[in-house]
């Protein structure tokens, strides 16, 4: 039996973060009695001892999903995966997943929300492209405005 293969009913998968955040559910595993108990994050201090170490993950998810339009009105979607080349703060080259791939041909230009623009440099494989993005005011700001949070497909 595979310990990572189990039934998880869809209604138990959170669709969005709980607010206020400290009311997020927390599963407590009592190791001695091997018991499971439901709690909330607000109560975490009652389960910690002075020798425990708490590590906080303060990473942020980049709004890396973009919806663009070609000059002829056709639409495309890209998901930025990795920065390949940082030209300056207004231009970067990314490896990106894209669809529909038949429209994402070398040299084609895309316009996204705001002043964000893209150009397909080349196709990497059947699902990925090299995409150069540019914005006159800076890419970080432009991606924040034009990008959408990539949501996992099971949500």
Protein backbone atom coordinates (compact mmCIF):
# COMPACT_ATOMS: atom_id res chain seq x y z
CA UNK A 1 0.00 0.00 0.00
CA UNK A 2 1.29 3.47 -0.94
CA UNK A 3 1.13 5.81 2.11
CA UNK A 4 0.76 8.82 -0.24
CA UNK A 5 -2.29 7.43 -1.98
CA UNK A 6 -5.50 7.98 -0.05
CA UNK A 7 -9.05 9.22 -0.46
CA UNK A 8 -9.43 12.95 0.22
CA UNK A 9 -13.00 14.16 -0.28
CA UNK A 10 -13.21 17.41 -2.28
CA UNK A 11 -15.28 19.10 0.41
CA UNK A 12 -12.29 18.82 2.80
CA UNK A 13 -9.94 20.77 0.51
CA UNK A 14 -9.78 24.46 1.41
CA UNK A 15 -10.78 26.66 -1.50
CA UNK A 16 -9.40 29.89 0.02
CA UNK A 17 -7.57 30.92 3.18
CA UNK A 18 -9.59 31.32 6.34
CA UNK A 19 -9.90 34.79 7.82
CA UNK A 20 -8.91 35.67 10.42
CA UNK A 21 -5.79 33.57 9.79
CA UNK A 22 -5.31 32.56 13.43
CA UNK A 23 -8.57 30.60 13.19
CA UNK A 24 -7.03 28.22 10.64
CA UNK A 25 -7.56 24.59 11.56
CA UNK A 26 -4.64 22.62 12.94
CA UNK A 27 -4.36 18.87 13.40
CA UNK A 28 -2.56 17.93 16.61
CA UNK A 29 -0.94 14.50 16.82
CA UNK A 30 -0.35 13.34 20.37
CA UNK A 31 2.64 11.05 19.90
CA UNK A 32 2.41 9.19 23.21
CA UNK A 33 -1.19 8.11 22.87
CA UNK A 34 -1.14 8.24 19.04
CA UNK A 35 -4.31 10.33 19.19
CA UNK A 36 -5.43 12.99 16.74
CA UNK A 37 -7.13 16.16 17.87
CA UNK A 38 -8.55 19.16 16.01
CA UNK A 39 -7.44 22.59 17.13
CA UNK A 40 -6.81 26.09 15.71
CA UNK A 41 -3.53 27.88 15.06
CA UNK A 42 -4.30 30.44 17.77
CA UNK A 43 -3.72 27.64 20.32
CA UNK A 44 -0.33 26.57 18.95
CA UNK A 45 1.59 27.89 21.97
CA UNK A 46 -0.16 25.39 24.23
CA UNK A 47 1.46 22.55 22.24
CA UNK A 48 5.02 23.94 22.23
CA UNK A 49 7.75 23.60 24.83
CA UNK A 50 10.58 26.08 25.46
CA UNK A 51 13.04 23.90 23.54
CA UNK A 52 10.89 23.75 20.40
CA UNK A 53 11.88 25.70 17.31
CA UNK A 54 9.26 27.27 15.07
CA UNK A 55 10.21 28.07 11.47
CA UNK A 56 7.99 30.48 9.56
CA UNK A 57 7.74 30.35 5.79
CA UNK A 58 7.27 33.92 4.61
CA UNK A 59 7.68 33.25 0.91
CA UNK A 60 5.20 34.85 -1.45
CA UNK A 61 3.65 33.34 -4.53
CA UNK A 62 4.33 35.38 -7.66
CA UNK A 63 1.33 36.23 -9.79
CA UNK A 64 2.82 34.18 -12.60
CA UNK A 65 -0.28 33.31 -14.63
CA UNK A 66 -0.90 35.73 -17.49
CA UNK A 67 -3.68 36.07 -20.02
CA UNK A 68 -2.68 37.84 -23.21
CA UNK A 69 -3.96 38.86 -26.61
CA UNK A 70 -2.18 38.67 -29.96
CA UNK A 71 -2.38 41.50 -32.50
CA UNK A 72 -4.99 39.53 -34.47
CA UNK A 73 -7.25 39.22 -31.41
CA UNK A 74 -6.32 35.62 -30.58
CA UNK A 75 -5.91 34.80 -26.91
CA UNK A 76 -3.21 32.88 -25.03
CA UNK A 77 -2.36 31.94 -21.47
CA UNK A 78 1.14 31.56 -20.04
CA UNK A 79 2.45 30.41 -16.69
CA UNK A 80 5.91 31.74 -15.86
CA UNK A 81 8.16 28.99 -14.53
CA UNK A 82 11.68 30.38 -14.28
CA UNK A 83 13.74 33.46 -15.15
CA UNK A 84 16.31 32.54 -17.79
CA UNK A 85 17.83 35.97 -18.32
CA UNK A 86 17.47 39.25 -16.44
CA UNK A 87 18.13 41.99 -18.99
CA UNK A 88 17.27 44.88 -16.65
CA UNK A 89 14.38 45.79 -14.34
CA UNK A 90 12.09 46.34 -17.33
CA UNK A 91 12.91 43.20 -19.37
CA UNK A 92 13.34 39.51 -18.52
CA UNK A 93 13.25 36.21 -20.39
CA UNK A 94 11.24 33.38 -18.82
CA UNK A 95 10.61 29.73 -19.48
CA UNK A 96 6.82 29.49 -19.51
CA UNK A 97 4.11 26.93 -20.02
CA UNK A 98 1.68 28.14 -22.64
CA UNK A 99 -1.57 27.43 -24.39
CA UNK A 100 -2.70 27.12 -27.05
CA UNK A 101 0.77 26.07 -28.18
CA UNK A 102 -0.12 26.19 -31.88
CA UNK A 103 -0.49 29.99 -31.54
CA UNK A 104 2.68 30.48 -29.50
CA UNK A 105 5.11 30.68 -32.40
CA UNK A 106 8.51 32.35 -32.51
CA UNK A 107 8.35 36.11 -32.98
CA UNK A 108 4.69 36.54 -32.01
CA UNK A 109 3.86 39.43 -29.70
CA UNK A 110 1.39 39.34 -26.82
CA UNK A 111 -0.21 42.21 -24.93
CA UNK A 112 -1.19 41.66 -21.31
CA UNK A 113 -3.01 43.87 -18.84
CA UNK A 114 -1.48 47.27 -18.08
CA UNK A 115 1.67 47.99 -20.05
CA UNK A 116 3.04 44.44 -19.90
CA UNK A 117 4.11 43.07 -23.27
CA UNK A 118 5.56 39.75 -24.34
CA UNK A 119 7.36 38.21 -27.31
CA UNK A 120 7.77 34.51 -27.97
CA UNK A 121 11.49 33.96 -28.51
CA UNK A 122 11.25 30.25 -29.27
CA UNK A 123 9.50 27.04 -28.36
CA UNK A 124 11.41 24.90 -25.89
CA UNK A 125 9.26 21.77 -26.31
CA UNK A 126 5.62 20.83 -26.91
CA UNK A 127 4.43 22.68 -23.77
CA UNK A 128 7.04 25.36 -23.04
CA UNK A 129 8.27 28.56 -24.64
CA UNK A 130 10.92 31.17 -24.00
CA UNK A 131 9.02 34.40 -23.43
CA UNK A 132 10.53 37.87 -23.14
CA UNK A 133 8.44 40.20 -20.99
CA UNK A 134 8.82 43.96 -20.89
CA UNK A 135 7.23 46.89 -19.12
CA UNK A 136 8.27 50.55 -19.18
CA UNK A 137 7.62 51.01 -15.45
CA UNK A 138 9.32 47.81 -14.22
CA UNK A 139 8.40 44.14 -14.39
CA UNK A 140 7.67 43.59 -10.70
CA UNK A 141 4.98 46.25 -10.72
CA UNK A 142 3.59 45.13 -14.09
CA UNK A 143 3.40 41.46 -13.04
CA UNK A 144 1.64 42.43 -9.82
CA UNK A 145 -1.02 44.22 -11.87
CA UNK A 146 -1.34 41.88 -14.85
CA UNK A 147 -0.64 38.53 -13.24
CA UNK A 148 -3.04 36.14 -11.59
CA UNK A 149 -2.21 33.83 -8.72
CA UNK A 150 -1.66 30.34 -10.12
CA UNK A 151 -4.22 28.11 -8.41
CA UNK A 152 -3.64 24.34 -8.26
CA UNK A 153 -5.92 22.44 -10.65
CA UNK A 154 -7.67 20.54 -7.83
CA UNK A 155 -9.19 23.78 -6.49
